[in-house]
PDB file of N, CA and C in Angstrom:
ATOM      1  N   MET A   1     -10.709  15.001   2.787  1.00  0.00           N
ATOM      2  CA  MET A   1     -11.151  15.201   3.971  1.00  0.00           C
ATOM      3  C   MET A   1      -9.720  15.366   5.094  1.00  0.00           C
ATOM      4  N   ARG A   2      -9.701  16.442   5.478  1.00  0.00           N
ATOM      5  CA  ARG A   2      -8.422  15.807   6.778  1.00  0.00           C
ATOM      6  C   ARG A   2      -8.945  15.839   8.343  1.00  0.00           C
ATOM      7  N   SER A   3      -7.964  15.236   8.641  1.00  0.00           N
ATOM      8  CA  SER A   3      -8.366  15.681  10.196  1.00  0.00           C
ATOM      9  C   SER A   3      -7.020  15.073  11.180  1.00  0.00           C
ATOM     10  N   SER A   4      -7.533  15.615  11.922  1.00  0.00           N
ATOM     11  CA  SER A   4      -5.986  16.078  12.899  1.00  0.00           C
ATOM     12  C   SER A   4      -5.671  14.693  14.247  1.00  0.00           C
ATOM     13  N   MET A   5      -4.089  14.491  14.315  1.00  0.00           N
ATOM     14  CA  MET A   5      -3.584  13.871  15.108  1.00  0.00           C
ATOM     15  C   MET A   5      -2.621  14.381  15.938  1.00  0.00           C
ATOM     16  N   ASN A   6      -2.411  14.647  17.163  1.00  0.00           N
ATOM     17  CA  ASN A   6      -1.360  14.993  17.617  1.00  0.00           C
ATOM     18  C   ASN A   6      -0.669  13.690  18.210  1.00  0.00           C
ATOM     19  N   ILE A   7       0.636  14.481  18.440  1.00  0.00           N
ATOM     20  CA  ILE A   7       1.383  13.260  18.830  1.00  0.00           C
ATOM     21  C   ILE A   7       2.673  13.925  19.822  1.00  0.00           C
ATOM     22  N   SER A   8       2.828  13.234  20.722  1.00  0.00           N
ATOM     23  CA  SER A   8       4.074  13.705  21.405  1.00  0.00           C
ATOM     24  C   SER A   8       5.095  12.497  21.445  1.00  0.00           C
ATOM     25  N   LEU A   9       6.199  14.031  20.989  1.00  0.00           N
ATOM     26  CA  LEU A   9       7.475  13.063  20.539  1.00  0.00           C
ATOM     27  C   LEU A   9       8.465  13.836  21.653  1.00  0.00           C
ATOM     28  N   PRO A  10       9.651  12.814  21.690  1.00  0.00           N
ATOM     29  CA  PRO A  10      10.624  13.519  22.437  1.00  0.00           C
ATOM     30  C   PRO A  10      11.360  14.568  22.346  1.00  0.00           C
ATOM     31  N   THR A  11      12.120  14.951  22.425  1.00  0.00           N
ATOM     32  CA  THR A  11      13.159  16.247  22.086  1.00  0.00           C
ATOM     33  C   THR A  11      14.084  16.110  20.881  1.00  0.00           C
ATOM     34  N   PRO A  12      14.850  14.786  21.346  1.00  0.00           N
ATOM     35  CA  PRO A  12      15.585  14.837  19.988  1.00  0.00           C
ATOM     36  C   PRO A  12      14.650  13.867  19.135  1.00  0.00           C
ATOM     37  N   LEU A  13      13.977  13.302  18.486  1.00  0.00           N
ATOM     38  CA  LEU A  13      13.331  13.113  17.009  1.00  0.00           C
ATOM     39  C   LEU A  13      12.351  13.862  17.086  1.00  0.00           C
ATOM     40  N   LYS A  14      11.856  15.453  17.610  1.00  0.00           N
ATOM     41  CA  LYS A  14      11.334  16.700  17.411  1.00  0.00           C
ATOM     42  C   LYS A  14      12.275  17.344  16.373  1.00  0.00           C
ATOM     43  N   SER A  15      13.621  17.290  16.832  1.00  0.00           N
ATOM     44  CA  SER A  15      14.440  18.118  16.366  1.00  0.00           C
ATOM     45  C   SER A  15      15.113  17.427  15.190  1.00  0.00           C
ATOM     46  N   TRP A  16      15.032  16.333  15.184  1.00  0.00           N
ATOM     47  CA  TRP A  16      15.216  15.816  14.002  1.00  0.00           C
ATOM     48  C   TRP A  16      14.084  16.011  12.490  1.00  0.00           C
ATOM     49  N   ILE A  17      13.305  15.685  12.844  1.00  0.00           N
ATOM     50  CA  ILE A  17      11.870  15.887  12.255  1.00  0.00           C
ATOM     51  C   ILE A  17      12.065  17.641  11.878  1.00  0.00           C
ATOM     52  N   GLU A  18      12.375  18.027  12.562  1.00  0.00           N
ATOM     53  CA  GLU A  18      12.274  20.158  12.496  1.00  0.00           C
ATOM     54  C   GLU A  18      13.715  19.635  11.187  1.00  0.00           C
ATOM     55  N   GLU A  19      14.759  19.154  11.547  1.00  0.00           N
ATOM     56  CA  GLU A  19      15.770  19.106  10.890  1.00  0.00           C
ATOM     57  C   GLU A  19      15.416  18.924   9.159  1.00  0.00           C
ATOM     58  N   GLN A  20      15.120  17.376   9.171  1.00  0.00           N
ATOM     59  CA  GLN A  20      14.771  16.610   7.972  1.00  0.00           C
ATOM     60  C   GLN A  20      13.609  17.888   7.280  1.00  0.00           C
ATOM     61  N   VAL A  21      12.269  18.439   8.013  1.00  0.00           N
ATOM     62  CA  VAL A  21      11.972  19.314   7.067  1.00  0.00           C
ATOM     63  C   VAL A  21      12.481  20.322   6.654  1.00  0.00           C
ATOM     64  N   ALA A  22      13.750  21.456   7.113  1.00  0.00           N
ATOM     65  CA  ALA A  22      14.679  21.728   6.711  1.00  0.00           C
ATOM     66  C   ALA A  22      15.516  21.702   5.219  1.00  0.00           C
ATOM     67  N   LEU A  23      16.584  20.231   5.997  1.00  0.00           N
ATOM     68  CA  LEU A  23      17.034  19.754   4.269  1.00  0.00           C
ATOM     69  C   LEU A  23      16.165  19.363   3.537  1.00  0.00           C
ATOM     70  N   ARG A  24      15.196  19.172   3.614  1.00  0.00           N
ATOM     71  CA  ARG A  24      14.475  18.497   2.282  1.00  0.00           C
ATOM     72  C   ARG A  24      13.652  18.852   1.307  1.00  0.00           C
ATOM     73  N   GLY A  25      12.811  20.510   1.828  1.00  0.00           N
ATOM     74  CA  GLY A  25      12.628  21.044   1.228  1.00  0.00           C
ATOM     75  C   GLY A  25      11.434  21.290   2.259  1.00  0.00           C
ATOM     76  N   PHE A  26      10.471  20.502   2.941  1.00  0.00           N
ATOM     77  CA  PHE A  26       8.749  20.268   3.209  1.00  0.00           C
ATOM     78  C   PHE A  26       8.911  21.659   4.056  1.00  0.00           C
ATOM     79  N   SER A  27       7.432  21.789   3.454  1.00  0.00           N
ATOM     80  CA  SER A  27       6.846  23.090   3.773  1.00  0.00           C
ATOM     81  C   SER A  27       7.163  23.076   5.537  1.00  0.00           C
ATOM     82  N   THR A  28       6.481  22.207   5.875  1.00  0.00           N
ATOM     83  CA  THR A  28       6.080  21.758   7.375  1.00  0.00           C
ATOM     84  C   THR A  28       6.295  20.506   7.583  1.00  0.00           C
ATOM     85  N   ALA A  29       6.492  20.611   9.423  1.00  0.00           N
ATOM     86  CA  ALA A  29       6.555  18.597  10.340  1.00  0.00           C
ATOM     87  C   ALA A  29       5.445  18.203   9.765  1.00  0.00           C
ATOM     88  N   SER A  30       3.694  18.552   9.201  1.00  0.00           N
ATOM     89  CA  SER A  30       2.525  17.403   9.193  1.00  0.00           C
ATOM     90  C   SER A  30       3.299  17.038   7.610  1.00  0.00           C
ATOM     91  N   GLU A  31       3.980  17.473   6.633  1.00  0.00           N
ATOM     92  CA  GLU A  31       4.188  17.356   5.628  1.00  0.00           C
ATOM     93  C   GLU A  31       5.587  16.401   5.474  1.00  0.00           C
ATOM     94  N   PHE A  32       5.960  16.557   6.302  1.00  0.00           N
ATOM     95  CA  PHE A  32       7.179  15.336   6.252  1.00  0.00           C
ATOM     96  C   PHE A  32       6.565  14.399   6.355  1.00  0.00           C
ATOM     97  N   VAL A  33       5.555  14.079   7.674  1.00  0.00           N
ATOM     98  CA  VAL A  33       5.663  13.049   8.383  1.00  0.00           C
ATOM     99  C   VAL A  33       4.418  12.429   7.385  1.00  0.00           C
ATOM    100  N   ARG A  34       3.611  13.097   6.662  1.00  0.00           N
ATOM    101  CA  ARG A  34       2.543  12.950   5.327  1.00  0.00           C
ATOM    102  C   ARG A  34       3.613  11.970   4.765  1.00  0.00           C
ATOM    103  N   ASP A  35       4.158  12.779   4.170  1.00  0.00           N
ATOM    104  CA  ASP A  35       5.704  12.031   3.311  1.00  0.00           C
ATOM    105  C   ASP A  35       6.140  10.305   3.710  1.00  0.00           C
ATOM    106  N   LEU A  36       6.485  10.284   4.574  1.00  0.00           N
ATOM    107  CA  LEU A  36       6.764   9.593   5.597  1.00  0.00           C
ATOM    108  C   LEU A  36       6.013   8.111   5.942  1.00  0.00           C
ATOM    109  N   LEU A  37       4.397   8.676   6.088  1.00  0.00           N
ATOM    110  CA  LEU A  37       3.563   7.605   6.088  1.00  0.00           C
ATOM    111  C   LEU A  37       3.113   7.239   5.008  1.00  0.00           C
ATOM    112  N   ARG A  38       2.794   7.579   3.706  1.00  0.00           N
ATOM    113  CA  ARG A  38       2.219   7.115   2.610  1.00  0.00           C
ATOM    114  C   ARG A  38       3.802   6.822   1.829  1.00  0.00           C
ATOM    115  N   ARG A  39       4.970   6.386   2.275  1.00  0.00           N
ATOM    116  CA  ARG A  39       6.432   5.440   1.889  1.00  0.00           C
ATOM    117  C   ARG A  39       5.625   4.556   2.180  1.00  0.00           C
ATOM    118  N   GLU A  40       5.665   4.535   4.037  1.00  0.00           N
ATOM    119  CA  GLU A  40       5.815   2.771   4.701  1.00  0.00           C
ATOM    120  C   GLU A  40       4.138   2.282   4.007  1.00  0.00           C
ATOM    121  N   GLN A  41       3.302   2.705   3.687  1.00  0.00           N
ATOM    122  CA  GLN A  41       2.217   2.611   2.949  1.00  0.00           C
ATOM    123  C   GLN A  41       2.393   2.022   2.134  1.00  0.00           C
ATOM    124  N   ALA A  42       3.114   1.896   1.154  1.00  0.00           N
ATOM    125  CA  ALA A  42       3.710   1.787  -0.318  1.00  0.00           C
ATOM    126  C   ALA A  42       4.658   0.977   0.086  1.00  0.00           C
ATOM    127  N   ALA A  43       5.342   0.649   0.679  1.00  0.00           N
ATOM    128  CA  ALA A  43       6.154  -0.476   1.414  1.00  0.00           C
ATOM    129  C   ALA A  43       5.565  -1.331   2.005  1.00  0.00           C
ATOM    130  N   ALA A  44       4.148  -1.622   2.796  1.00  0.00           N
ATOM    131  CA  ALA A  44       3.563  -2.513   3.076  1.00  0.00           C
ATOM    132  C   ALA A  44       2.889  -3.027   2.169  1.00  0.00           C
ATOM    133  N   ALA A  45       2.666  -2.082   1.507  1.00  0.00           N
ATOM    134  CA  ALA A  45       1.596  -2.820   0.071  1.00  0.00           C
ATOM    135  C   ALA A  45       2.540  -4.016  -0.977  1.00  0.00           C
ATOM    136  N   LYS A  46       3.796  -2.997  -0.815  1.00  0.00           N
ATOM    137  CA  LYS A  46       4.490  -4.064  -1.836  1.00  0.00           C
ATOM    138  C   LYS A  46       4.679  -5.417  -1.115  1.00  0.00           C
ATOM    139  N   ALA A  47       4.569  -5.092   0.102  1.00  0.00           N
ATOM    140  CA  ALA A  47       5.308  -6.380   0.787  1.00  0.00           C
ATOM    141  C   ALA A  47       4.200  -7.322   0.586  1.00  0.00           C
ATOM    142  N   ARG A  48       2.864  -6.579   1.192  1.00  0.00           N
ATOM    143  CA  ARG A  48       1.350  -7.973   0.635  1.00  0.00           C
ATOM    144  C   ARG A  48       1.533  -8.382  -0.492  1.00  0.00           C
ATOM    145  N   VAL A  49       2.100  -8.072  -1.798  1.00  0.00           N
ATOM    146  CA  VAL A  49       2.011  -8.401  -2.808  1.00  0.00           C
ATOM    147  C   VAL A  49       2.762  -9.638  -3.036  1.00  0.00           C
ATOM    148  N   GLU A  50       4.026  -9.438  -2.495  1.00  0.00           N
ATOM    149  CA  GLU A  50       5.274 -10.543  -2.628  1.00  0.00           C
ATOM    150  C   GLU A  50       4.828 -11.592  -1.700  1.00  0.00           C
ATOM    151  N   ALA A  51       4.324 -10.955  -0.398  1.00  0.00           N
ATOM    152  CA  ALA A  51       3.976 -12.627   0.238  1.00  0.00           C
ATOM    153  C   ALA A  51       2.760 -12.947  -0.666  1.00  0.00           C
ATOM    154  N   ASN A  52       1.756 -12.664  -1.456  1.00  0.00           N
ATOM    155  CA  ASN A  52       0.213 -13.717  -2.426  1.00  0.00           C
ATOM    156  C   ASN A  52       1.383 -14.354  -3.216  1.00  0.00           C
ATOM    157  N   LEU A  53       2.261 -12.994  -3.903  1.00  0.00           N
ATOM    158  CA  LEU A  53       3.433 -14.226  -4.861  1.00  0.00           C
ATOM    159  C   LEU A  53       4.222 -15.264  -4.491  1.00  0.00           C
ATOM    160  N   VAL A  54       4.619 -15.182  -3.240  1.00  0.00           N
ATOM    161  CA  VAL A  54       4.939 -15.776  -2.805  1.00  0.00           C
ATOM    162  C   VAL A  54       4.282 -17.012  -2.487  1.00  0.00           C
ATOM    163  N   GLU A  55       3.144 -16.861  -1.536  1.00  0.00           N
ATOM    164  CA  GLU A  55       1.889 -17.913  -1.608  1.00  0.00           C
ATOM    165  C   GLU A  55       1.707 -18.670  -2.498  1.00  0.00           C
ATOM    166  N   ALA A  56       1.426 -18.027  -3.949  1.00  0.00           N
ATOM    167  CA  ALA A  56       0.622 -18.903  -5.192  1.00  0.00           C
ATOM    168  C   ALA A  56       1.552 -19.148  -5.774  1.00  0.00           C
ATOM    169  N   LEU A  57       3.320 -18.786  -5.683  1.00  0.00           N
ATOM    170  CA  LEU A  57       4.371 -20.168  -5.856  1.00  0.00           C
ATOM    171  C   LEU A  57       4.282 -21.194  -5.172  1.00  0.00           C
ATOM    172  N   ASP A  58       3.816 -20.865  -3.803  1.00  0.00           N
ATOM    173  CA  ASP A  58       4.319 -22.225  -3.178  1.00  0.00           C
ATOM    174  C   ASP A  58       2.719 -22.952  -2.304  1.00  0.00           C
ATOM    175  N   SER A  59       1.583 -22.671  -3.874  1.00  0.00           N
ATOM    176  CA  SER A  59       0.333 -23.417  -3.978  1.00  0.00           C
ATOM    177  C   SER A  59       0.137 -24.814  -4.458  1.00  0.00           C
ATOM    178  N   GLY A  60       1.746 -24.843  -5.208  1.00  0.00           N
ATOM    179  CA  GLY A  60       1.672 -26.506  -6.173  1.00  0.00           C
ATOM    180  C   GLY A  60       1.479 -26.508  -7.346  1.00  0.00           C
ATOM    181  N   PRO A  61       1.805 -27.119  -7.957  1.00  0.00           N
ATOM    182  CA  PRO A  61       1.883 -27.554  -9.223  1.00  0.00           C
ATOM    183  C   PRO A  61       1.217 -26.190 -10.000  1.00  0.00           C
ATOM    184  N   THR A  62       1.416 -26.020 -11.729  1.00  0.00           N
ATOM    185  CA  THR A  62       1.072 -25.545 -11.921  1.00  0.00           C
ATOM    186  C   THR A  62       0.116 -25.902 -12.951  1.00  0.00           C
ATOM    187  N   ARG A  63      -1.447 -25.473 -13.507  1.00  0.00           N
ATOM    188  CA  ARG A  63      -1.685 -26.227 -14.067  1.00  0.00           C
ATOM    189  C   ARG A  63      -2.073 -25.226 -15.408  1.00  0.00           C
ATOM    190  N   PRO A  64      -2.216 -25.676 -16.534  1.00  0.00           N
ATOM    191  CA  PRO A  64      -2.557 -25.026 -17.645  1.00  0.00           C
ATOM    192  C   PRO A  64      -3.874 -24.598 -17.750  1.00  0.00           C
ATOM    193  N   MET A  65      -4.404 -23.387 -18.210  1.00  0.00           N
ATOM    194  CA  MET A  65      -5.766 -23.265 -18.545  1.00  0.00           C
ATOM    195  C   MET A  65      -6.282 -22.854 -19.625  1.00  0.00           C
ATOM    196  N   ASP A  66      -8.028 -23.974 -19.934  1.00  0.00           N
ATOM    197  CA  ASP A  66      -8.471 -24.811 -20.747  1.00  0.00           C
ATOM    198  C   ASP A  66      -9.526 -23.027 -20.943  1.00  0.00           C
ATOM    199  N   ALA A  67     -10.032 -23.558 -21.865  1.00  0.00           N
ATOM    200  CA  ALA A  67     -11.344 -22.432 -21.820  1.00  0.00           C
ATOM    201  C   ALA A  67     -12.353 -22.674 -21.328  1.00  0.00           C
ATOM    202  N   LYS A  68     -12.873 -23.487 -20.590  1.00  0.00           N
ATOM    203  CA  LYS A  68     -13.143 -23.341 -19.804  1.00  0.00           C
ATOM    204  C   LYS A  68     -12.923 -22.591 -18.113  1.00  0.00           C
ATOM    205  N   ALA A  69     -11.919 -22.544 -17.827  1.00  0.00           N
ATOM    206  CA  ALA A  69     -11.651 -21.854 -16.799  1.00  0.00           C
ATOM    207  C   ALA A  69     -11.728 -20.358 -17.138  1.00  0.00           C
ATOM    208  N   TRP A  70     -10.435 -19.983 -18.337  1.00  0.00           N
ATOM    209  CA  TRP A  70     -11.312 -18.946 -18.878  1.00  0.00           C
ATOM    210  C   TRP A  70     -12.738 -17.847 -18.240  1.00  0.00           C
ATOM    211  N   GLN A  71     -13.433 -19.279 -19.507  1.00  0.00           N
ATOM    212  CA  GLN A  71     -14.685 -18.694 -19.158  1.00  0.00           C
ATOM    213  C   GLN A  71     -15.546 -18.066 -18.113  1.00  0.00           C
ATOM    214  N   ARG A  72     -15.265 -19.190 -17.031  1.00  0.00           N
ATOM    215  CA  ARG A  72     -15.743 -18.782 -15.224  1.00  0.00           C
ATOM    216  C   ARG A  72     -14.984 -17.669 -15.137  1.00  0.00           C
ATOM    217  N   ILE A  73     -13.763 -17.412 -15.024  1.00  0.00           N
ATOM    218  CA  ILE A  73     -13.216 -16.126 -14.757  1.00  0.00           C
ATOM    219  C   ILE A  73     -13.482 -14.992 -15.681  1.00  0.00           C
ATOM    220  N   ARG A  74     -14.250 -14.885 -16.917  1.00  0.00           N
ATOM    221  CA  ARG A  74     -14.570 -13.680 -17.845  1.00  0.00           C
ATOM    222  C   ARG A  74     -16.064 -13.886 -16.373  1.00  0.00           C
ATOM    223  N   SER A  75     -17.191 -14.638 -16.162  1.00  0.00           N
ATOM    224  CA  SER A  75     -18.386 -14.654 -15.778  1.00  0.00           C
ATOM    225  C   SER A  75     -17.800 -13.838 -14.582  1.00  0.00           C
ATOM    226  N   GLU A  76     -17.193 -14.744 -13.851  1.00  0.00           N
ATOM    227  CA  GLU A  76     -17.323 -13.659 -12.987  1.00  0.00           C
ATOM    228  C   GLU A  76     -16.602 -12.637 -12.312  1.00  0.00           C
ATOM    229  N   GLY A  77     -15.749 -12.104 -13.312  1.00  0.00           N
ATOM    230  CA  GLY A  77     -15.449 -10.402 -14.141  1.00  0.00           C
ATOM    231  C   GLY A  77     -16.299  -9.811 -14.095  1.00  0.00           C
ATOM    232  N   ILE A  78     -17.307 -10.445 -14.990  1.00  0.00           N
ATOM    233  CA  ILE A  78     -18.633  -9.711 -15.482  1.00  0.00           C
ATOM    234  C   ILE A  78     -19.910  -9.413 -14.350  1.00  0.00           C
ATOM    235  N   LYS A  79     -20.165 -10.862 -13.101  1.00  0.00           N
ATOM    236  CA  LYS A  79     -21.012 -10.565 -12.162  1.00  0.00           C
ATOM    237  C   LYS A  79     -20.136  -9.007 -10.879  1.00  0.00           C
ATOM    238  N   LEU A  80     -18.696  -9.520 -10.694  1.00  0.00           N
ATOM    239  CA  LEU A  80     -18.480  -8.241 -10.124  1.00  0.00           C
ATOM    240  C   LEU A  80     -18.550  -6.681 -11.076  1.00  0.00           C
ATOM    241  N   ALA A  81     -18.153  -6.349 -11.929  1.00  0.00           N
ATOM    242  CA  ALA A  81     -18.328  -5.579 -12.923  1.00  0.00           C
ATOM    243  C   ALA A  81     -20.136  -5.379 -13.022  1.00  0.00           C
ATOM    244  N   ARG A  82     -20.771  -5.686 -12.714  1.00  0.00           N
ATOM    245  CA  ARG A  82     -22.347  -5.223 -12.545  1.00  0.00           C
ATOM    246  C   ARG A  82     -22.712  -4.960 -11.182  1.00  0.00           C
ATOM    247  N   ARG A  83     -22.369  -5.872  -9.866  1.00  0.00           N
ATOM    248  CA  ARG A  83     -22.642  -5.426  -9.003  1.00  0.00           C
ATOM    249  C   ARG A  83     -21.705  -4.050  -8.891  1.00  0.00           C
ATOM    250  N   SER A  84     -20.806  -3.392  -8.688  1.00  0.00           N
ATOM    251  CA  SER A  84     -19.917  -2.490  -8.752  1.00  0.00           C
ATOM    252  C   SER A  84     -20.529  -0.936  -8.841  1.00  0.00           C
ATOM    253  N   LYS A  85     -21.535  -1.550 -10.040  1.00  0.00           N
ATOM    254  CA  LYS A  85     -21.784   0.014 -10.659  1.00  0.00           C
ATOM    255  C   LYS A  85     -22.907   0.502  -9.970  1.00  0.00           C
TER     256      LYS A  85
END
């Protein structure tokens, strides 16, 4: 489902968007703006993953996984899977 959003742009920015639509083969300005927003979403998601990795690396020394830890992870995963059905 799509919904509409109207935005106001200064004339130079509107002209630039119209140029990009023509140069890059987009059908409409909306299509171009949606593409920009999707790229921004992807960049934000990548930044979150990288931040989580840095946090994990900074969280302290690593510990080897033992059978008990794997069993706990499996049990939690099974519980989550059952809840999502």
